[in-house]
Amino acid sequence: MGAISGVDSFTAAGNIGVAVMEGSVTLAVKDFETGAESSTLHAFLTINGKLEKRPIDLGPLPQTSGSFSLELPVGTDISLHNTLLIRDLATETTVAKARIA
């Protein structure tokens, strides 16, 4: 599992791992928490954490704490798209990141 950490002045914690079940691939987010106070947190799968290099929009976080799953589009290469970024869309700020282990 990869560890989620805060970016800049934001705090965040938790773990992510890849789950493959019956042909679908999801990112399993466990024990997530963040100090970012926003209802507009969005997940992006990126190449080495760079938004300018073909990011995959995984959509809004289903919750801002706890454990949840994010479904990956069919054919996603997690060896290439290897870093999760969590962004506040209201401020266009990255609040957390995690490298997929």
PDB file of N, CA and C in Angstrom:
ATOM      1  N   MET A   1       0.839  -1.193   0.000  1.00  0.00           N
ATOM      2  CA  MET A   1       0.000   0.000   0.000  1.00  0.00           C
ATOM      3  C   MET A   1       0.874   1.244   0.000  1.00  0.00           C
ATOM      4  N   GLY A   2       0.356   2.285  -0.640  1.00  0.00           N
ATOM      5  CA  GLY A   2       1.031   3.564  -0.626  1.00  0.00           C
ATOM      6  C   GLY A   2       0.448   4.440   0.464  1.00  0.00           C
ATOM      7  N   ALA A   3       1.257   5.341   0.980  1.00  0.00           N
ATOM      8  CA  ALA A   3       0.821   6.228   2.059  1.00  0.00           C
ATOM      9  C   ALA A   3       0.363   7.567   1.491  1.00  0.00           C
ATOM     10  N   ILE A   4      -0.759   8.053   1.992  1.00  0.00           N
ATOM     11  CA  ILE A   4      -1.276   9.364   1.610  1.00  0.00           C
ATOM     12  C   ILE A   4      -0.649  10.398   2.531  1.00  0.00           C
ATOM     13  N   SER A   5      -0.168  11.496   1.938  1.00  0.00           N
ATOM     14  CA  SER A   5       0.417  12.563   2.747  1.00  0.00           C
ATOM     15  C   SER A   5      -0.115  13.909   2.269  1.00  0.00           C
ATOM     16  N   GLY A   6      -0.084  14.879   3.164  1.00  0.00           N
ATOM     17  CA  GLY A   6      -0.524  16.221   2.830  1.00  0.00           C
ATOM     18  C   GLY A   6       0.500  16.931   1.967  1.00  0.00           C
ATOM     19  N   VAL A   7       0.045  17.953   1.265  1.00  0.00           N
ATOM     20  CA  VAL A   7       0.902  18.751   0.396  1.00  0.00           C
ATOM     21  C   VAL A   7       0.929  20.172   0.943  1.00  0.00           C
ATOM     22  N   ASP A   8       2.115  20.758   0.960  1.00  0.00           N
ATOM     23  CA  ASP A   8       2.322  22.110   1.473  1.00  0.00           C
ATOM     24  C   ASP A   8       1.798  22.216   2.902  1.00  0.00           C
ATOM     25  N   SER A   9       0.865  23.116   3.180  1.00  0.00           N
ATOM     26  CA  SER A   9       0.392  23.304   4.558  1.00  0.00           C
ATOM     27  C   SER A   9      -0.788  22.403   4.918  1.00  0.00           C
ATOM     28  N   PHE A  10      -1.227  21.555   3.999  1.00  0.00           N
ATOM     29  CA  PHE A  10      -2.366  20.676   4.260  1.00  0.00           C
ATOM     30  C   PHE A  10      -1.919  19.394   4.952  1.00  0.00           C
ATOM     31  N   THR A  11      -2.746  18.914   5.867  1.00  0.00           N
ATOM     32  CA  THR A  11      -2.480  17.623   6.497  1.00  0.00           C
ATOM     33  C   THR A  11      -3.385  16.577   5.866  1.00  0.00           C
ATOM     34  N   ALA A  12      -2.846  15.383   5.733  1.00  0.00           N
ATOM     35  CA  ALA A  12      -3.622  14.260   5.199  1.00  0.00           C
ATOM     36  C   ALA A  12      -2.920  12.977   5.602  1.00  0.00           C
ATOM     37  N   ALA A  13      -3.699  11.917   5.745  1.00  0.00           N
ATOM     38  CA  ALA A  13      -3.146  10.611   6.100  1.00  0.00           C
ATOM     39  C   ALA A  13      -4.059   9.533   5.542  1.00  0.00           C
ATOM     40  N   GLY A  14      -3.534   8.340   5.478  1.00  0.00           N
ATOM     41  CA  GLY A  14      -4.285   7.190   4.989  1.00  0.00           C
ATOM     42  C   GLY A  14      -3.403   6.339   4.106  1.00  0.00           C
ATOM     43  N   ASN A  15      -3.987   5.335   3.510  1.00  0.00           N
ATOM     44  CA  ASN A  15      -3.254   4.425   2.631  1.00  0.00           C
ATOM     45  C   ASN A  15      -4.088   4.130   1.401  1.00  0.00           C
ATOM     46  N   ILE A  16      -3.399   3.806   0.294  1.00  0.00           N
ATOM     47  CA  ILE A  16      -4.095   3.367  -0.910  1.00  0.00           C
ATOM     48  C   ILE A  16      -3.468   2.082  -1.413  1.00  0.00           C
ATOM     49  N   GLY A  17      -4.284   1.282  -2.039  1.00  0.00           N
ATOM     50  CA  GLY A  17      -3.824   0.055  -2.670  1.00  0.00           C
ATOM     51  C   GLY A  17      -4.704  -0.237  -3.864  1.00  0.00           C
ATOM     52  N   VAL A  18      -4.228  -1.095  -4.732  1.00  0.00           N
ATOM     53  CA  VAL A  18      -4.981  -1.468  -5.926  1.00  0.00           C
ATOM     54  C   VAL A  18      -5.698  -2.781  -5.661  1.00  0.00           C
ATOM     55  N   ALA A  19      -6.977  -2.814  -5.996  1.00  0.00           N
ATOM     56  CA  ALA A  19      -7.774  -4.036  -5.847  1.00  0.00           C
ATOM     57  C   ALA A  19      -8.295  -4.442  -7.224  1.00  0.00           C
ATOM     58  N   VAL A  20      -8.031  -5.689  -7.605  1.00  0.00           N
ATOM     59  CA  VAL A  20      -8.515  -6.217  -8.879  1.00  0.00           C
ATOM     60  C   VAL A  20      -9.537  -7.297  -8.572  1.00  0.00           C
ATOM     61  N   MET A  21     -10.774  -7.077  -9.044  1.00  0.00           N
ATOM     62  CA  MET A  21     -11.841  -8.049  -8.795  1.00  0.00           C
ATOM     63  C   MET A  21     -12.693  -8.215 -10.037  1.00  0.00           C
ATOM     64  N   GLU A  22     -12.744  -9.422 -10.535  1.00  0.00           N
ATOM     65  CA  GLU A  22     -13.606  -9.771 -11.663  1.00  0.00           C
ATOM     66  C   GLU A  22     -13.510  -8.780 -12.814  1.00  0.00           C
ATOM     67  N   GLY A  23     -12.295  -8.446 -13.206  1.00  0.00           N
ATOM     68  CA  GLY A  23     -12.094  -7.582 -14.355  1.00  0.00           C
ATOM     69  C   GLY A  23     -12.105  -6.097 -14.085  1.00  0.00           C
ATOM     70  N   SER A  24     -12.545  -5.664 -12.915  1.00  0.00           N
ATOM     71  CA  SER A  24     -12.514  -4.241 -12.609  1.00  0.00           C
ATOM     72  C   SER A  24     -11.346  -3.945 -11.673  1.00  0.00           C
ATOM     73  N   VAL A  25     -10.821  -2.748 -11.814  1.00  0.00           N
ATOM     74  CA  VAL A  25      -9.685  -2.319 -10.997  1.00  0.00           C
ATOM     75  C   VAL A  25     -10.107  -1.076 -10.225  1.00  0.00           C
ATOM     76  N   THR A  26      -9.869  -1.088  -8.930  1.00  0.00           N
ATOM     77  CA  THR A  26     -10.198   0.066  -8.098  1.00  0.00           C
ATOM     78  C   THR A  26      -9.012   0.436  -7.224  1.00  0.00           C
ATOM     79  N   LEU A  27      -8.994   1.692  -6.809  1.00  0.00           N
ATOM     80  CA  LEU A  27      -8.066   2.133  -5.776  1.00  0.00           C
ATOM     81  C   LEU A  27      -8.816   2.047  -4.460  1.00  0.00           C
ATOM     82  N   ALA A  28      -8.288   1.276  -3.546  1.00  0.00           N
ATOM     83  CA  ALA A  28      -8.885   1.159  -2.219  1.00  0.00           C
ATOM     84  C   ALA A  28      -8.210   2.181  -1.314  1.00  0.00           C
ATOM     85  N   VAL A  29      -8.982   3.118  -0.805  1.00  0.00           N
ATOM     86  CA  VAL A  29      -8.479   4.151   0.097  1.00  0.00           C
ATOM     87  C   VAL A  29      -8.894   3.744   1.506  1.00  0.00           C
ATOM     88  N   LYS A  30      -7.911   3.650   2.397  1.00  0.00           N
ATOM     89  CA  LYS A  30      -8.172   3.190   3.767  1.00  0.00           C
ATOM     90  C   LYS A  30      -7.783   4.267   4.773  1.00  0.00           C
ATOM     91  N   ASP A  31      -8.639   4.461   5.756  1.00  0.00           N
ATOM     92  CA  ASP A  31      -8.357   5.357   6.889  1.00  0.00           C
ATOM     93  C   ASP A  31      -7.949   6.764   6.449  1.00  0.00           C
ATOM     94  N   PHE A  32      -8.603   7.279   5.425  1.00  0.00           N
ATOM     95  CA  PHE A  32      -8.276   8.601   4.900  1.00  0.00           C
ATOM     96  C   PHE A  32      -8.777   9.689   5.837  1.00  0.00           C
ATOM     97  N   GLU A  33      -7.947  10.700   5.996  1.00  0.00           N
ATOM     98  CA  GLU A  33      -8.359  11.918   6.703  1.00  0.00           C
ATOM     99  C   GLU A  33      -7.533  13.073   6.176  1.00  0.00           C
ATOM    100  N   THR A  34      -8.129  14.255   6.197  1.00  0.00           N
ATOM    101  CA  THR A  34      -7.426  15.446   5.752  1.00  0.00           C
ATOM    102  C   THR A  34      -7.887  16.645   6.561  1.00  0.00           C
ATOM    103  N   GLY A  35      -6.992  17.603   6.689  1.00  0.00           N
ATOM    104  CA  GLY A  35      -7.324  18.853   7.350  1.00  0.00           C
ATOM    105  C   GLY A  35      -7.953  19.853   6.390  1.00  0.00           C
ATOM    106  N   ALA A  36      -7.994  19.514   5.101  1.00  0.00           N
ATOM    107  CA  ALA A  36      -8.597  20.410   4.108  1.00  0.00           C
ATOM    108  C   ALA A  36     -10.105  20.439   4.316  1.00  0.00           C
ATOM    109  N   GLU A  37     -10.624  21.615   4.537  1.00  0.00           N
ATOM    110  CA  GLU A  37     -12.064  21.763   4.769  1.00  0.00           C
ATOM    111  C   GLU A  37     -12.731  22.170   3.465  1.00  0.00           C
ATOM    112  N   SER A  38     -13.141  21.174   2.704  1.00  0.00           N
ATOM    113  CA  SER A  38     -13.736  21.452   1.407  1.00  0.00           C
ATOM    114  C   SER A  38     -14.724  20.365   1.038  1.00  0.00           C
ATOM    115  N   SER A  39     -15.767  20.755   0.363  1.00  0.00           N
ATOM    116  CA  SER A  39     -16.724  19.779  -0.154  1.00  0.00           C
ATOM    117  C   SER A  39     -16.452  19.501  -1.629  1.00  0.00           C
ATOM    118  N   THR A  40     -15.371  20.067  -2.154  1.00  0.00           N
ATOM    119  CA  THR A  40     -15.055  19.903  -3.572  1.00  0.00           C
ATOM    120  C   THR A  40     -13.740  19.160  -3.788  1.00  0.00           C
ATOM    121  N   LEU A  41     -13.453  18.158  -2.957  1.00  0.00           N
ATOM    122  CA  LEU A  41     -12.229  17.375  -3.139  1.00  0.00           C
ATOM    123  C   LEU A  41     -12.431  16.378  -4.271  1.00  0.00           C
ATOM    124  N   HIS A  42     -11.460  16.327  -5.150  1.00  0.00           N
ATOM    125  CA  HIS A  42     -11.535  15.535  -6.377  1.00  0.00           C
ATOM    126  C   HIS A  42     -10.260  14.706  -6.501  1.00  0.00           C
ATOM    127  N   ALA A  43     -10.370  13.502  -7.037  1.00  0.00           N
ATOM    128  CA  ALA A  43      -9.224  12.601  -7.188  1.00  0.00           C
ATOM    129  C   ALA A  43      -8.766  12.555  -8.644  1.00  0.00           C
ATOM    130  N   PHE A  44      -7.457  12.580  -8.823  1.00  0.00           N
ATOM    131  CA  PHE A  44      -6.849  12.460 -10.146  1.00  0.00           C
ATOM    132  C   PHE A  44      -5.724  11.440 -10.076  1.00  0.00           C
ATOM    133  N   LEU A  45      -5.651  10.584 -11.068  1.00  0.00           N
ATOM    134  CA  LEU A  45      -4.539   9.654 -11.200  1.00  0.00           C
ATOM    135  C   LEU A  45      -3.580  10.281 -12.201  1.00  0.00           C
ATOM    136  N   THR A  46      -2.310  10.406 -11.822  1.00  0.00           N
ATOM    137  CA  THR A  46      -1.358  11.150 -12.640  1.00  0.00           C
ATOM    138  C   THR A  46      -0.097  10.340 -12.912  1.00  0.00           C
ATOM    139  N   ILE A  47       0.661  10.827 -13.869  1.00  0.00           N
ATOM    140  CA  ILE A  47       1.976  10.269 -14.159  1.00  0.00           C
ATOM    141  C   ILE A  47       2.971  11.017 -13.282  1.00  0.00           C
ATOM    142  N   ASN A  48       3.511  10.349 -12.293  1.00  0.00           N
ATOM    143  CA  ASN A  48       4.499  10.926 -11.375  1.00  0.00           C
ATOM    144  C   ASN A  48       4.030  12.223 -10.712  1.00  0.00           C
ATOM    145  N   GLY A  49       2.724  12.362 -10.485  1.00  0.00           N
ATOM    146  CA  GLY A  49       2.197  13.529  -9.784  1.00  0.00           C
ATOM    147  C   GLY A  49       2.077  14.784 -10.625  1.00  0.00           C
ATOM    148  N   LYS A  50       2.198  14.667 -11.940  1.00  0.00           N
ATOM    149  CA  LYS A  50       2.154  15.835 -12.819  1.00  0.00           C
ATOM    150  C   LYS A  50       0.790  15.942 -13.502  1.00  0.00           C
ATOM    151  N   LEU A  51       0.056  16.981 -13.164  1.00  0.00           N
ATOM    152  CA  LEU A  51      -1.276  17.184 -13.746  1.00  0.00           C
ATOM    153  C   LEU A  51      -1.237  17.507 -15.235  1.00  0.00           C
ATOM    154  N   GLU A  52      -0.124  18.044 -15.705  1.00  0.00           N
ATOM    155  CA  GLU A  52      -0.044  18.431 -17.113  1.00  0.00           C
ATOM    156  C   GLU A  52       0.206  17.241 -18.044  1.00  0.00           C
ATOM    157  N   LYS A  53       0.440  16.055 -17.488  1.00  0.00           N
ATOM    158  CA  LYS A  53       0.725  14.865 -18.305  1.00  0.00           C
ATOM    159  C   LYS A  53      -0.427  13.872 -18.264  1.00  0.00           C
ATOM    160  N   ARG A  54      -1.461  14.110 -19.046  1.00  0.00           N
ATOM    161  CA  ARG A  54      -2.587  13.179 -19.217  1.00  0.00           C
ATOM    162  C   ARG A  54      -3.181  12.655 -17.905  1.00  0.00           C
ATOM    163  N   PRO A  55      -3.647  13.517 -17.028  1.00  0.00           N
ATOM    164  CA  PRO A  55      -4.264  13.038 -15.779  1.00  0.00           C
ATOM    165  C   PRO A  55      -5.581  12.315 -16.069  1.00  0.00           C
ATOM    166  N   ILE A  56      -5.915  11.374 -15.213  1.00  0.00           N
ATOM    167  CA  ILE A  56      -7.191  10.671 -15.302  1.00  0.00           C
ATOM    168  C   ILE A  56      -8.059  11.168 -14.152  1.00  0.00           C
ATOM    169  N   ASP A  57      -9.180  11.769 -14.493  1.00  0.00           N
ATOM    170  CA  ASP A  57     -10.102  12.312 -13.494  1.00  0.00           C
ATOM    171  C   ASP A  57     -10.932  11.166 -12.924  1.00  0.00           C
ATOM    172  N   LEU A  58     -10.749  10.874 -11.646  1.00  0.00           N
ATOM    173  CA  LEU A  58     -11.496   9.803 -10.987  1.00  0.00           C
ATOM    174  C   LEU A  58     -12.767  10.313 -10.318  1.00  0.00           C
ATOM    175  N   GLY A  59     -12.990  11.614 -10.387  1.00  0.00           N
ATOM    176  CA  GLY A  59     -14.220  12.183  -9.855  1.00  0.00           C
ATOM    177  C   GLY A  59     -14.098  12.677  -8.427  1.00  0.00           C
ATOM    178  N   PRO A  60     -15.209  13.160  -7.895  1.00  0.00           N
ATOM    179  CA  PRO A  60     -15.203  13.670  -6.520  1.00  0.00           C
ATOM    180  C   PRO A  60     -15.014  12.535  -5.520  1.00  0.00           C
ATOM    181  N   LEU A  61     -14.380  12.862  -4.396  1.00  0.00           N
ATOM    182  CA  LEU A  61     -14.256  11.861  -3.340  1.00  0.00           C
ATOM    183  C   LEU A  61     -15.649  11.551  -2.807  1.00  0.00           C
ATOM    184  N   PRO A  62     -15.974  10.278  -2.623  1.00  0.00           N
ATOM    185  CA  PRO A  62     -17.303   9.935  -2.113  1.00  0.00           C
ATOM    186  C   PRO A  62     -17.498  10.344  -0.658  1.00  0.00           C
ATOM    187  N   GLN A  63     -16.398  10.558   0.049  1.00  0.00           N
ATOM    188  CA  GLN A  63     -16.440  11.036   1.432  1.00  0.00           C
ATOM    189  C   GLN A  63     -15.084  11.649   1.741  1.00  0.00           C
ATOM    190  N   THR A  64     -15.018  12.468   2.773  1.00  0.00           N
ATOM    191  CA  THR A  64     -13.772  13.169   3.082  1.00  0.00           C
ATOM    192  C   THR A  64     -12.997  12.541   4.229  1.00  0.00           C
ATOM    193  N   SER A  65     -13.473  11.405   4.720  1.00  0.00           N
ATOM    194  CA  SER A  65     -12.714  10.652   5.722  1.00  0.00           C
ATOM    195  C   SER A  65     -13.187   9.205   5.701  1.00  0.00           C
ATOM    196  N   GLY A  66     -12.340   8.334   6.243  1.00  0.00           N
ATOM    197  CA  GLY A  66     -12.707   6.920   6.306  1.00  0.00           C
ATOM    198  C   GLY A  66     -12.142   6.124   5.151  1.00  0.00           C
ATOM    199  N   SER A  67     -12.814   5.043   4.813  1.00  0.00           N
ATOM    200  CA  SER A  67     -12.361   4.131   3.766  1.00  0.00           C
ATOM    201  C   SER A  67     -13.382   4.091   2.634  1.00  0.00           C
ATOM    202  N   PHE A  68     -12.878   4.070   1.402  1.00  0.00           N
ATOM    203  CA  PHE A  68     -13.741   4.042   0.225  1.00  0.00           C
ATOM    204  C   PHE A  68     -12.929   3.567  -0.975  1.00  0.00           C
ATOM    205  N   SER A  69     -13.604   3.337  -2.084  1.00  0.00           N
ATOM    206  CA  SER A  69     -12.944   2.881  -3.309  1.00  0.00           C
ATOM    207  C   SER A  69     -13.195   3.867  -4.437  1.00  0.00           C
ATOM    208  N   LEU A  70     -12.207   3.971  -5.322  1.00  0.00           N
ATOM    209  CA  LEU A  70     -12.319   4.792  -6.524  1.00  0.00           C
ATOM    210  C   LEU A  70     -12.105   3.874  -7.722  1.00  0.00           C
ATOM    211  N   GLU A  71     -13.102   3.757  -8.583  1.00  0.00           N
ATOM    212  CA  GLU A  71     -12.994   2.862  -9.735  1.00  0.00           C
ATOM    213  C   GLU A  71     -12.116   3.493 -10.810  1.00  0.00           C
ATOM    214  N   LEU A  72     -11.221   2.680 -11.367  1.00  0.00           N
ATOM    215  CA  LEU A  72     -10.350   3.142 -12.438  1.00  0.00           C
ATOM    216  C   LEU A  72     -10.978   2.803 -13.785  1.00  0.00           C
ATOM    217  N   PRO A  73     -10.790   3.679 -14.781  1.00  0.00           N
ATOM    218  CA  PRO A  73     -11.301   3.363 -16.115  1.00  0.00           C
ATOM    219  C   PRO A  73     -10.637   2.092 -16.658  1.00  0.00           C
ATOM    220  N   VAL A  74     -11.376   1.353 -17.467  1.00  0.00           N
ATOM    221  CA  VAL A  74     -10.846   0.135 -18.083  1.00  0.00           C
ATOM    222  C   VAL A  74      -9.593   0.486 -18.883  1.00  0.00           C
ATOM    223  N   GLY A  75      -8.562  -0.315 -18.732  1.00  0.00           N
ATOM    224  CA  GLY A  75      -7.328  -0.119 -19.481  1.00  0.00           C
ATOM    225  C   GLY A  75      -6.325   0.814 -18.830  1.00  0.00           C
ATOM    226  N   THR A  76      -6.611   1.317 -17.643  1.00  0.00           N
ATOM    227  CA  THR A  76      -5.675   2.209 -16.957  1.00  0.00           C
ATOM    228  C   THR A  76      -4.398   1.454 -16.613  1.00  0.00           C
ATOM    229  N   ASP A  77      -3.269   2.023 -16.998  1.00  0.00           N
ATOM    230  CA  ASP A  77      -1.960   1.425 -16.717  1.00  0.00           C
ATOM    231  C   ASP A  77      -1.419   2.056 -15.434  1.00  0.00           C
ATOM    232  N   ILE A  78      -1.527   1.340 -14.314  1.00  0.00           N
ATOM    233  CA  ILE A  78      -1.087   1.927 -13.042  1.00  0.00           C
ATOM    234  C   ILE A  78       0.429   1.935 -12.893  1.00  0.00           C
ATOM    235  N   SER A  79       1.144   1.277 -13.803  1.00  0.00           N
ATOM    236  CA  SER A  79       2.598   1.422 -13.769  1.00  0.00           C
ATOM    237  C   SER A  79       2.994   2.772 -14.370  1.00  0.00           C
ATOM    238  N   LEU A  80       2.134   3.341 -15.211  1.00  0.00           N
ATOM    239  CA  LEU A  80       2.361   4.663 -15.791  1.00  0.00           C
ATOM    240  C   LEU A  80       1.669   5.744 -14.960  1.00  0.00           C
ATOM    241  N   HIS A  81       0.377   5.593 -14.753  1.00  0.00           N
ATOM    242  CA  HIS A  81      -0.386   6.526 -13.911  1.00  0.00           C
ATOM    243  C   HIS A  81      -0.249   6.033 -12.464  1.00  0.00           C
ATOM    244  N   ASN A  82       0.815   6.472 -11.819  1.00  0.00           N
ATOM    245  CA  ASN A  82       1.247   5.867 -10.560  1.00  0.00           C
ATOM    246  C   ASN A  82       1.090   6.742  -9.320  1.00  0.00           C
ATOM    247  N   THR A  83       0.484   7.910  -9.466  1.00  0.00           N
ATOM    248  CA  THR A  83       0.365   8.812  -8.320  1.00  0.00           C
ATOM    249  C   THR A  83      -1.046   9.393  -8.242  1.00  0.00           C
ATOM    250  N   LEU A  84      -1.653   9.266  -7.076  1.00  0.00           N
ATOM    251  CA  LEU A  84      -2.969   9.843  -6.821  1.00  0.00           C
ATOM    252  C   LEU A  84      -2.783  11.253  -6.267  1.00  0.00           C
ATOM    253  N   LEU A  85      -3.496  12.210  -6.851  1.00  0.00           N
ATOM    254  CA  LEU A  85      -3.547  13.566  -6.309  1.00  0.00           C
ATOM    255  C   LEU A  85      -4.978  13.850  -5.884  1.00  0.00           C
ATOM    256  N   ILE A  86      -5.132  14.466  -4.736  1.00  0.00           N
ATOM    257  CA  ILE A  86      -6.442  14.909  -4.268  1.00  0.00           C
ATOM    258  C   ILE A  86      -6.410  16.428  -4.263  1.00  0.00           C
ATOM    259  N   ARG A  87      -7.335  17.006  -5.030  1.00  0.00           N
ATOM    260  CA  ARG A  87      -7.340  18.457  -5.218  1.00  0.00           C
ATOM    261  C   ARG A  87      -8.654  19.076  -4.772  1.00  0.00           C
ATOM    262  N   ASP A  88      -8.546  20.285  -4.285  1.00  0.00           N
ATOM    263  CA  ASP A  88      -9.719  21.097  -3.975  1.00  0.00           C
ATOM    264  C   ASP A  88     -10.039  21.881  -5.244  1.00  0.00           C
ATOM    265  N   LEU A  89     -11.117  21.528  -5.917  1.00  0.00           N
ATOM    266  CA  LEU A  89     -11.445  22.183  -7.183  1.00  0.00           C
ATOM    267  C   LEU A  89     -11.827  23.643  -7.004  1.00  0.00           C
ATOM    268  N   ALA A  90     -12.340  24.006  -5.839  1.00  0.00           N
ATOM    269  CA  ALA A  90     -12.736  25.395  -5.601  1.00  0.00           C
ATOM    270  C   ALA A  90     -11.526  26.325  -5.619  1.00  0.00           C
ATOM    271  N   THR A  91     -10.404  25.853  -5.097  1.00  0.00           N
ATOM    272  CA  THR A  91      -9.198  26.684  -5.036  1.00  0.00           C
ATOM    273  C   THR A  91      -8.116  26.221  -6.006  1.00  0.00           C
ATOM    274  N   GLU A  92      -8.372  25.129  -6.726  1.00  0.00           N
ATOM    275  CA  GLU A  92      -7.406  24.537  -7.654  1.00  0.00           C
ATOM    276  C   GLU A  92      -6.072  24.245  -6.965  1.00  0.00           C
ATOM    277  N   THR A  93      -6.161  23.682  -5.763  1.00  0.00           N
ATOM    278  CA  THR A  93      -4.995  23.384  -4.948  1.00  0.00           C
ATOM    279  C   THR A  93      -4.914  21.892  -4.675  1.00  0.00           C
ATOM    280  N   THR A  94      -3.716  21.337  -4.788  1.00  0.00           N
ATOM    281  CA  THR A  94      -3.507  19.942  -4.409  1.00  0.00           C
ATOM    282  C   THR A  94      -3.339  19.882  -2.899  1.00  0.00           C
ATOM    283  N   VAL A  95      -4.143  19.047  -2.237  1.00  0.00           N
ATOM    284  CA  VAL A  95      -4.103  18.960  -0.779  1.00  0.00           C
ATOM    285  C   VAL A  95      -3.452  17.672  -0.283  1.00  0.00           C
ATOM    286  N   ALA A  96      -3.412  16.632  -1.142  1.00  0.00           N
ATOM    287  CA  ALA A  96      -2.822  15.358  -0.717  1.00  0.00           C
ATOM    288  C   ALA A  96      -2.333  14.588  -1.932  1.00  0.00           C
ATOM    289  N   LYS A  97      -1.394  13.679  -1.674  1.00  0.00           N
ATOM    290  CA  LYS A  97      -0.883  12.835  -2.755  1.00  0.00           C
ATOM    291  C   LYS A  97      -0.468  11.491  -2.189  1.00  0.00           C
ATOM    292  N   ALA A  98      -0.399  10.517  -3.071  1.00  0.00           N
ATOM    293  CA  ALA A  98       0.065   9.181  -2.684  1.00  0.00           C
ATOM    294  C   ALA A  98       0.591   8.475  -3.918  1.00  0.00           C
ATOM    295  N   ARG A  99       1.722   7.865  -3.770  1.00  0.00           N
ATOM    296  CA  ARG A  99       2.281   7.044  -4.848  1.00  0.00           C
ATOM    297  C   ARG A  99       1.720   5.637  -4.688  1.00  0.00           C
ATOM    298  N   ILE A 100       1.267   5.062  -5.786  1.00  0.00           N
ATOM    299  CA  ILE A 100       0.724   3.708  -5.747  1.00  0.00           C
ATOM    300  C   ILE A 100       1.879   2.730  -5.660  1.00  0.00           C
ATOM    301  N   ALA A 101       1.872   1.928  -4.616  1.00  0.00           N
ATOM    302  CA  ALA A 101       2.984   0.985  -4.405  1.00  0.00           C
ATOM    303  C   ALA A 101       2.714  -0.326  -5.104  1.00  0.00           C
TER     304      ALA A 101
END
